[in-house]
Amino acid sequence: MIRSRSLCLASLFLIAGIVQAQTETPAKPWTSSVGAGLAITSGNTDTQNYNVSFSTRYDPKRKFVFKSEALWLRGVSNGETQVDRAAASARGEYTYSDRTFAFVEVSYLRDPFKAINSLVAPVAGGGYRFLRSDVRNLTADIAAGAQLQDDTVLGRTSSGSVKMGEDFDWALSPTSKLTQKFTALWKAEDFDDALYHFDAGLATSVMTRLELKVAYTYDYKNKPPSPTVKKGDSALVAALVFKF
């Protein structure tokens, strides 16, 4: 009787282990999201604002991580385009220790209102993780490389570049996250010629794979190619983001 009970208990534990192994799905190495927002107003002024974003991340929970993101903003007021900006980046990181990492990155920017037809900046460098947890993360990095620019005033130019970045995120709750990022890109031969970018956002889940994101972005070009070009541009965007 005791042997039978032991065999039954062993069988139950074995079956429970098999069921648990079958129901537990491993974390996917690829996670991606696509978002879109639209605002249309009418009255004294007719405005239309669009934003489309995409991001993807490959993280096999090892030393190497790849991530890429893109954002397109367009604003039209009374038939005239006020904002038309596209930005994208791709980055590969290799972790050396719990705090340090190396990376290679290429970024792209198109902003006709800053007279930038295209700006491509491939860089390589290293960084340090000041905070690393499931709740809060803070990293800073520095890199060097090149920048290739095509604008409507100076034409095509190329130079060396130095880039610095800071990235922070904070999980306020299981369904809400605060993010913030700052980057600075300098020309190596003229550090007064710099492009600064800042963004901050808040995302909250509304469904399992759907979240609402509100973000503020600000771009500042210290030496625009023409006095008629404004140095700073800001945008406040809201979008629904689908995660897959």
C-alpha atoms as a PDB file:
ATOM      1  CA  MET A   1       0.000   0.000   0.000  1.00  0.00           C
ATOM      2  CA  ILE A   2       2.835   2.395   0.916  1.00  0.00           C
ATOM      3  CA  ARG A   3       4.681   1.539  -2.309  1.00  0.00           C
ATOM      4  CA  SER A   4       1.498   2.164  -4.334  1.00  0.00           C
ATOM      5  CA  ARG A   5       0.982   5.555  -2.693  1.00  0.00           C
ATOM      6  CA  SER A   6       4.617   6.458  -3.334  1.00  0.00           C
ATOM      7  CA  LEU A   7       4.301   5.501  -6.992  1.00  0.00           C
ATOM      8  CA  CYS A   8       1.093   7.535  -7.291  1.00  0.00           C
ATOM      9  CA  LEU A   9       2.691  10.591  -5.708  1.00  0.00           C
ATOM     10  CA  ALA A  10       5.762  10.259  -7.920  1.00  0.00           C
ATOM     11  CA  SER A  11       3.560   9.966 -10.986  1.00  0.00           C
ATOM     12  CA  LEU A  12       1.570  13.058 -10.003  1.00  0.00           C
ATOM     13  CA  PHE A  13       4.733  15.077  -9.491  1.00  0.00           C
ATOM     14  CA  LEU A  14       6.083  13.882 -12.856  1.00  0.00           C
ATOM     15  CA  ILE A  15       2.839  14.779 -14.667  1.00  0.00           C
ATOM     16  CA  ALA A  16       2.730  18.189 -12.971  1.00  0.00           C
ATOM     17  CA  GLY A  17       6.310  18.859 -14.057  1.00  0.00           C
ATOM     18  CA  ILE A  18       5.553  17.931 -17.663  1.00  0.00           C
ATOM     19  CA  VAL A  19       2.431  20.128 -17.739  1.00  0.00           C
ATOM     20  CA  GLN A  20       4.319  23.060 -16.220  1.00  0.00           C
ATOM     21  CA  ALA A  21       7.141  22.683 -18.731  1.00  0.00           C
ATOM     22  CA  GLN A  22       4.649  22.663 -21.574  1.00  0.00           C
ATOM     23  CA  THR A  23       2.700  25.699 -20.344  1.00  0.00           C
ATOM     24  CA  GLU A  24       5.740  27.863 -19.506  1.00  0.00           C
ATOM     25  CA  THR A  25       6.805  29.539 -22.732  1.00  0.00           C
ATOM     26  CA  PRO A  26      10.355  30.855 -22.902  1.00  0.00           C
ATOM     27  CA  ALA A  27      10.881  34.584 -23.254  1.00  0.00           C
ATOM     28  CA  LYS A  28      11.010  35.648 -26.891  1.00  0.00           C
ATOM     29  CA  PRO A  29      14.387  37.023 -27.975  1.00  0.00           C
ATOM     30  CA  TRP A  30      12.655  39.447 -30.376  1.00  0.00           C
ATOM     31  CA  THR A  31      10.205  42.077 -29.097  1.00  0.00           C
ATOM     32  CA  SER A  32       8.822  44.786 -31.368  1.00  0.00           C
ATOM     33  CA  SER A  33       6.218  47.531 -31.396  1.00  0.00           C
ATOM     34  CA  VAL A  34       4.555  49.843 -33.887  1.00  0.00           C
ATOM     35  CA  GLY A  35       2.662  53.002 -32.989  1.00  0.00           C
ATOM     36  CA  ALA A  36       0.618  55.694 -34.691  1.00  0.00           C
ATOM     37  CA  GLY A  37      -1.095  58.900 -33.641  1.00  0.00           C
ATOM     38  CA  LEU A  38      -3.360  61.397 -35.384  1.00  0.00           C
ATOM     39  CA  ALA A  39      -4.756  64.771 -34.311  1.00  0.00           C
ATOM     40  CA  ILE A  40      -7.068  66.881 -36.463  1.00  0.00           C
ATOM     41  CA  THR A  41      -8.520  70.219 -35.362  1.00  0.00           C
ATOM     42  CA  SER A  42     -10.648  72.809 -37.164  1.00  0.00           C
ATOM     43  CA  GLY A  43     -11.939  76.298 -36.468  1.00  0.00           C
ATOM     44  CA  ASN A  44      -9.738  79.382 -36.523  1.00  0.00           C
ATOM     45  CA  THR A  45      -6.914  77.121 -37.697  1.00  0.00           C
ATOM     46  CA  ASP A  46      -7.083  73.742 -39.408  1.00  0.00           C
ATOM     47  CA  THR A  47      -4.303  71.445 -38.237  1.00  0.00           C
ATOM     48  CA  GLN A  48      -3.373  67.850 -38.880  1.00  0.00           C
ATOM     49  CA  ASN A  49      -0.630  66.089 -36.940  1.00  0.00           C
ATOM     50  CA  TYR A  50       0.652  62.597 -37.628  1.00  0.00           C
ATOM     51  CA  ASN A  51       3.258  60.428 -35.960  1.00  0.00           C
ATOM     52  CA  VAL A  52       4.383  56.901 -36.762  1.00  0.00           C
ATOM     53  CA  SER A  53       6.929  54.954 -34.741  1.00  0.00           C
ATOM     54  CA  PHE A  54       8.571  51.534 -34.808  1.00  0.00           C
ATOM     55  CA  SER A  55      10.972  49.772 -32.479  1.00  0.00           C
ATOM     56  CA  THR A  56      12.482  46.315 -32.263  1.00  0.00           C
ATOM     57  CA  ARG A  57      14.830  44.653 -29.802  1.00  0.00           C
ATOM     58  CA  TYR A  58      16.756  41.379 -29.896  1.00  0.00           C
ATOM     59  CA  ASP A  59      17.760  40.212 -26.432  1.00  0.00           C
ATOM     60  CA  PRO A  60      18.569  36.506 -26.027  1.00  0.00           C
ATOM     61  CA  LYS A  61      19.475  37.188 -22.353  1.00  0.00           C
ATOM     62  CA  ARG A  62      23.165  36.883 -23.152  1.00  0.00           C
ATOM     63  CA  LYS A  63      25.946  39.394 -23.645  1.00  0.00           C
ATOM     64  CA  PHE A  64      24.740  40.831 -26.970  1.00  0.00           C
ATOM     65  CA  VAL A  65      21.664  43.044 -27.464  1.00  0.00           C
ATOM     66  CA  PHE A  66      20.429  44.669 -30.672  1.00  0.00           C
ATOM     67  CA  LYS A  67      17.848  47.461 -30.752  1.00  0.00           C
ATOM     68  CA  SER A  68      16.463  49.755 -33.396  1.00  0.00           C
ATOM     69  CA  GLU A  69      13.830  52.487 -33.504  1.00  0.00           C
ATOM     70  CA  ALA A  70      12.323  54.971 -35.919  1.00  0.00           C
ATOM     71  CA  LEU A  71       9.980  57.961 -35.638  1.00  0.00           C
ATOM     72  CA  TRP A  72       8.239  60.123 -38.253  1.00  0.00           C
ATOM     73  CA  LEU A  73       6.470  63.378 -37.365  1.00  0.00           C
ATOM     74  CA  ARG A  74       4.410  65.542 -39.710  1.00  0.00           C
ATOM     75  CA  GLY A  75       2.275  68.578 -38.949  1.00  0.00           C
ATOM     76  CA  VAL A  76       0.141  70.610 -41.355  1.00  0.00           C
ATOM     77  CA  SER A  77      -1.591  73.884 -40.423  1.00  0.00           C
ATOM     78  CA  ASN A  78      -3.966  75.652 -42.839  1.00  0.00           C
ATOM     79  CA  GLY A  79      -2.504  73.699 -45.725  1.00  0.00           C
ATOM     80  CA  GLU A  80       1.126  74.522 -44.905  1.00  0.00           C
ATOM     81  CA  THR A  81       3.570  71.939 -43.558  1.00  0.00           C
ATOM     82  CA  GLN A  82       4.922  72.964 -40.148  1.00  0.00           C
ATOM     83  CA  VAL A  83       6.775  69.802 -39.118  1.00  0.00           C
ATOM     84  CA  ASP A  84       8.321  67.071 -41.258  1.00  0.00           C
ATOM     85  CA  ARG A  85      10.926  65.103 -39.348  1.00  0.00           C
ATOM     86  CA  ALA A  86      12.172  61.527 -39.632  1.00  0.00           C
ATOM     87  CA  ALA A  87      14.704  59.900 -37.296  1.00  0.00           C
ATOM     88  CA  ALA A  88      16.002  56.349 -36.972  1.00  0.00           C
ATOM     89  CA  SER A  89      18.799  54.462 -35.237  1.00  0.00           C
ATOM     90  CA  ALA A  90      20.216  50.953 -34.976  1.00  0.00           C
ATOM     91  CA  ARG A  91      22.525  49.818 -32.193  1.00  0.00           C
ATOM     92  CA  GLY A  92      24.334  46.680 -31.089  1.00  0.00           C
ATOM     93  CA  GLU A  93      25.604  46.361 -27.501  1.00  0.00           C
ATOM     94  CA  TYR A  94      28.060  43.864 -26.030  1.00  0.00           C
ATOM     95  CA  THR A  95      28.158  43.535 -22.233  1.00  0.00           C
ATOM     96  CA  TYR A  96      31.569  43.149 -20.627  1.00  0.00           C
ATOM     97  CA  SER A  97      30.448  43.222 -17.006  1.00  0.00           C
ATOM     98  CA  ASP A  98      27.372  43.964 -14.947  1.00  0.00           C
ATOM     99  CA  ARG A  99      28.082  47.688 -15.368  1.00  0.00           C
ATOM    100  CA  THR A 100      30.136  48.200 -18.543  1.00  0.00           C
ATOM    101  CA  PHE A 101      29.343  47.662 -22.219  1.00  0.00           C
ATOM    102  CA  ALA A 102      30.616  48.500 -25.706  1.00  0.00           C
ATOM    103  CA  PHE A 103      28.448  49.394 -28.679  1.00  0.00           C
ATOM    104  CA  VAL A 104      28.303  50.348 -32.336  1.00  0.00           C
ATOM    105  CA  GLU A 105      25.506  52.565 -33.600  1.00  0.00           C
ATOM    106  CA  VAL A 106      24.304  54.329 -36.700  1.00  0.00           C
ATOM    107  CA  SER A 107      21.697  57.108 -36.574  1.00  0.00           C
ATOM    108  CA  TYR A 108      19.772  58.957 -39.269  1.00  0.00           C
ATOM    109  CA  LEU A 109      17.933  62.281 -39.298  1.00  0.00           C
ATOM    110  CA  ARG A 110      15.944  64.142 -41.945  1.00  0.00           C
ATOM    111  CA  ASP A 111      14.551  67.560 -41.052  1.00  0.00           C
ATOM    112  CA  PRO A 112      13.964  69.994 -43.949  1.00  0.00           C
ATOM    113  CA  PHE A 113      13.002  72.766 -41.506  1.00  0.00           C
ATOM    114  CA  LYS A 114      16.570  72.605 -40.162  1.00  0.00           C
ATOM    115  CA  ALA A 115      17.838  72.472 -43.779  1.00  0.00           C
ATOM    116  CA  ILE A 116      18.926  68.854 -43.144  1.00  0.00           C
ATOM    117  CA  ASN A 117      18.141  66.615 -46.094  1.00  0.00           C
ATOM    118  CA  SER A 118      19.978  63.768 -44.385  1.00  0.00           C
ATOM    119  CA  LEU A 119      22.399  63.300 -41.504  1.00  0.00           C
ATOM    120  CA  VAL A 120      24.000  59.881 -40.997  1.00  0.00           C
ATOM    121  CA  ALA A 121      26.289  59.312 -37.995  1.00  0.00           C
ATOM    122  CA  PRO A 122      28.038  55.933 -37.519  1.00  0.00           C
ATOM    123  CA  VAL A 123      29.846  55.772 -34.150  1.00  0.00           C
ATOM    124  CA  ALA A 124      31.399  53.251 -31.769  1.00  0.00           C
ATOM    125  CA  GLY A 125      32.109  53.562 -28.066  1.00  0.00           C
ATOM    126  CA  GLY A 126      31.403  52.365 -24.553  1.00  0.00           C
ATOM    127  CA  GLY A 127      29.075  53.012 -21.651  1.00  0.00           C
ATOM    128  CA  TYR A 128      28.377  52.491 -17.966  1.00  0.00           C
ATOM    129  CA  ARG A 129      25.200  51.373 -16.185  1.00  0.00           C
ATOM    130  CA  PHE A 130      24.681  53.467 -13.073  1.00  0.00           C
ATOM    131  CA  LEU A 131      21.361  51.754 -12.277  1.00  0.00           C
ATOM    132  CA  ARG A 132      20.269  48.308 -13.436  1.00  0.00           C
ATOM    133  CA  SER A 133      17.142  46.611 -12.153  1.00  0.00           C
ATOM    134  CA  ASP A 134      13.631  45.578 -13.142  1.00  0.00           C
ATOM    135  CA  VAL A 135      12.363  48.947 -11.850  1.00  0.00           C
ATOM    136  CA  ARG A 136      14.946  51.587 -12.774  1.00  0.00           C
ATOM    137  CA  ASN A 137      17.757  51.735 -15.329  1.00  0.00           C
ATOM    138  CA  LEU A 138      20.212  54.559 -15.979  1.00  0.00           C
ATOM    139  CA  THR A 139      23.060  54.413 -18.500  1.00  0.00           C
ATOM    140  CA  ALA A 140      25.525  56.891 -19.954  1.00  0.00           C
ATOM    141  CA  ASP A 141      27.819  56.400 -22.930  1.00  0.00           C
ATOM    142  CA  ILE A 142      30.307  58.171 -25.166  1.00  0.00           C
ATOM    143  CA  ALA A 143      31.410  57.345 -28.699  1.00  0.00           C
ATOM    144  CA  ALA A 144      33.388  58.631 -31.672  1.00  0.00           C
ATOM    145  CA  GLY A 145      32.936  58.179 -35.381  1.00  0.00           C
ATOM    146  CA  ALA A 146      31.841  60.226 -38.368  1.00  0.00           C
ATOM    147  CA  GLN A 147      28.884  62.216 -39.619  1.00  0.00           C
ATOM    148  CA  LEU A 148      27.801  62.611 -43.210  1.00  0.00           C
ATOM    149  CA  GLN A 149      25.433  65.515 -43.815  1.00  0.00           C
ATOM    150  CA  ASP A 150      23.521  66.780 -46.813  1.00  0.00           C
ATOM    151  CA  ASP A 151      21.750  70.104 -46.339  1.00  0.00           C
ATOM    152  CA  THR A 152      20.127  72.646 -48.607  1.00  0.00           C
ATOM    153  CA  VAL A 153      22.656  75.421 -47.836  1.00  0.00           C
ATOM    154  CA  LEU A 154      26.127  73.869 -47.595  1.00  0.00           C
ATOM    155  CA  GLY A 155      25.517  70.764 -49.691  1.00  0.00           C
ATOM    156  CA  ARG A 156      27.238  67.522 -48.771  1.00  0.00           C
ATOM    157  CA  THR A 157      29.841  67.573 -45.994  1.00  0.00           C
ATOM    158  CA  SER A 158      31.611  64.962 -43.872  1.00  0.00           C
ATOM    159  CA  SER A 159      33.584  65.159 -40.658  1.00  0.00           C
ATOM    160  CA  GLY A 160      34.570  63.287 -37.546  1.00  0.00           C
ATOM    161  CA  SER A 161      32.120  63.279 -34.675  1.00  0.00           C
ATOM    162  CA  VAL A 162      31.830  62.741 -30.946  1.00  0.00           C
ATOM    163  CA  LYS A 163      28.582  61.570 -29.411  1.00  0.00           C
ATOM    164  CA  MET A 164      27.385  61.379 -25.824  1.00  0.00           C
ATOM    165  CA  GLY A 165      24.169  59.837 -24.577  1.00  0.00           C
ATOM    166  CA  GLU A 166      22.116  59.248 -21.442  1.00  0.00           C
ATOM    167  CA  ASP A 167      19.145  56.902 -21.105  1.00  0.00           C
ATOM    168  CA  PHE A 168      16.763  56.411 -18.171  1.00  0.00           C
ATOM    169  CA  ASP A 169      13.611  54.373 -17.612  1.00  0.00           C
ATOM    170  CA  TRP A 170      11.460  53.815 -14.545  1.00  0.00           C
ATOM    171  CA  ALA A 171       8.694  51.237 -14.187  1.00  0.00           C
ATOM    172  CA  LEU A 172       6.176  53.198 -12.119  1.00  0.00           C
ATOM    173  CA  SER A 173       3.870  50.166 -11.941  1.00  0.00           C
ATOM    174  CA  PRO A 174       3.462  46.821 -13.736  1.00  0.00           C
ATOM    175  CA  THR A 175       1.534  48.670 -16.474  1.00  0.00           C
ATOM    176  CA  SER A 176       3.201  52.120 -16.634  1.00  0.00           C
ATOM    177  CA  LYS A 177       6.734  53.215 -17.541  1.00  0.00           C
ATOM    178  CA  LEU A 178       8.499  56.579 -17.652  1.00  0.00           C
ATOM    179  CA  THR A 179      11.319  57.003 -20.198  1.00  0.00           C
ATOM    180  CA  GLN A 180      13.831  59.782 -20.826  1.00  0.00           C
ATOM    181  CA  LYS A 181      16.742  60.142 -23.249  1.00  0.00           C
ATOM    182  CA  PHE A 182      19.344  62.773 -24.104  1.00  0.00           C
ATOM    183  CA  THR A 183      21.982  62.749 -26.868  1.00  0.00           C
ATOM    184  CA  ALA A 184      24.558  65.255 -28.071  1.00  0.00           C
ATOM    185  CA  LEU A 185      26.400  64.991 -31.397  1.00  0.00           C
ATOM    186  CA  TRP A 186      29.399  67.273 -31.991  1.00  0.00           C
ATOM    187  CA  LYS A 187      31.559  67.818 -35.064  1.00  0.00           C
ATOM    188  CA  ALA A 188      35.109  66.860 -34.104  1.00  0.00           C
ATOM    189  CA  GLU A 189      36.693  69.915 -35.737  1.00  0.00           C
ATOM    190  CA  ASP A 190      34.096  72.373 -34.396  1.00  0.00           C
ATOM    191  CA  PHE A 191      32.458  71.536 -31.084  1.00  0.00           C
ATOM    192  CA  ASP A 192      30.259  74.622 -31.400  1.00  0.00           C
ATOM    193  CA  ASP A 193      28.484  72.842 -34.258  1.00  0.00           C
ATOM    194  CA  ALA A 194      26.367  70.460 -32.201  1.00  0.00           C
ATOM    195  CA  LEU A 195      23.002  68.746 -32.437  1.00  0.00           C
ATOM    196  CA  TYR A 196      21.184  68.018 -29.176  1.00  0.00           C
ATOM    197  CA  HIS A 197      18.154  65.783 -28.722  1.00  0.00           C
ATOM    198  CA  PHE A 198      15.942  65.312 -25.668  1.00  0.00           C
ATOM    199  CA  ASP A 199      12.814  63.243 -25.247  1.00  0.00           C
ATOM    200  CA  ALA A 200      10.663  62.097 -22.352  1.00  0.00           C
ATOM    201  CA  GLY A 201       7.584  59.920 -22.403  1.00  0.00           C
ATOM    202  CA  LEU A 202       5.030  58.045 -20.357  1.00  0.00           C
ATOM    203  CA  ALA A 203       3.506  54.769 -21.550  1.00  0.00           C
ATOM    204  CA  THR A 204       0.650  52.893 -19.906  1.00  0.00           C
ATOM    205  CA  SER A 205      -0.999  49.638 -20.942  1.00  0.00           C
ATOM    206  CA  VAL A 206      -4.653  49.711 -21.973  1.00  0.00           C
ATOM    207  CA  MET A 207      -4.766  46.069 -23.139  1.00  0.00           C
ATOM    208  CA  THR A 208      -2.413  43.108 -23.140  1.00  0.00           C
ATOM    209  CA  ARG A 209      -0.582  44.185 -26.292  1.00  0.00           C
ATOM    210  CA  LEU A 210      -1.769  47.779 -26.572  1.00  0.00           C
ATOM    211  CA  GLU A 211      -0.473  50.833 -24.731  1.00  0.00           C
ATOM    212  CA  LEU A 212      -1.004  54.573 -24.816  1.00  0.00           C
ATOM    213  CA  LYS A 213       2.153  56.684 -25.031  1.00  0.00           C
ATOM    214  CA  VAL A 214       2.567  60.426 -24.606  1.00  0.00           C
ATOM    215  CA  ALA A 215       5.992  61.935 -25.351  1.00  0.00           C
ATOM    216  CA  TYR A 216       7.734  65.283 -25.629  1.00  0.00           C
ATOM    217  CA  THR A 217      10.727  65.778 -27.940  1.00  0.00           C
ATOM    218  CA  TYR A 218      13.087  68.716 -28.367  1.00  0.00           C
ATOM    219  CA  ASP A 219      15.870  69.097 -30.950  1.00  0.00           C
ATOM    220  CA  TYR A 220      18.418  71.927 -30.883  1.00  0.00           C
ATOM    221  CA  LYS A 221      20.984  72.733 -33.572  1.00  0.00           C
ATOM    222  CA  ASN A 222      23.573  75.115 -32.132  1.00  0.00           C
ATOM    223  CA  LYS A 223      24.877  76.384 -35.499  1.00  0.00           C
ATOM    224  CA  PRO A 224      22.146  76.206 -38.127  1.00  0.00           C
ATOM    225  CA  PRO A 225      23.378  76.640 -41.737  1.00  0.00           C
ATOM    226  CA  SER A 226      21.332  79.822 -42.196  1.00  0.00           C
ATOM    227  CA  PRO A 227      20.153  82.663 -39.906  1.00  0.00           C
ATOM    228  CA  THR A 228      16.595  82.009 -41.090  1.00  0.00           C
ATOM    229  CA  VAL A 229      16.665  78.483 -39.637  1.00  0.00           C
ATOM    230  CA  LYS A 230      15.466  78.248 -36.031  1.00  0.00           C
ATOM    231  CA  LYS A 231      17.789  76.499 -33.623  1.00  0.00           C
ATOM    232  CA  GLY A 232      15.147  74.651 -31.601  1.00  0.00           C
ATOM    233  CA  ASP A 233      12.107  72.541 -32.443  1.00  0.00           C
ATOM    234  CA  SER A 234       9.753  70.776 -30.045  1.00  0.00           C
ATOM    235  CA  ALA A 235       6.838  68.384 -30.418  1.00  0.00           C
ATOM    236  CA  LEU A 236       4.274  66.795 -28.124  1.00  0.00           C
ATOM    237  CA  VAL A 237       2.930  63.523 -29.488  1.00  0.00           C
ATOM    238  CA  ALA A 238       0.412  60.908 -28.365  1.00  0.00           C
ATOM    239  CA  ALA A 239       0.099  57.488 -29.948  1.00  0.00           C
ATOM    240  CA  LEU A 240      -1.354  54.028 -29.535  1.00  0.00           C
ATOM    241  CA  VAL A 241       1.415  51.430 -29.572  1.00  0.00           C
ATOM    242  CA  PHE A 242       0.887  47.781 -30.486  1.00  0.00           C
ATOM    243  CA  LYS A 243       3.467  45.365 -29.082  1.00  0.00           C
ATOM    244  CA  PHE A 244       4.294  42.013 -30.663  1.00  0.00           C
END
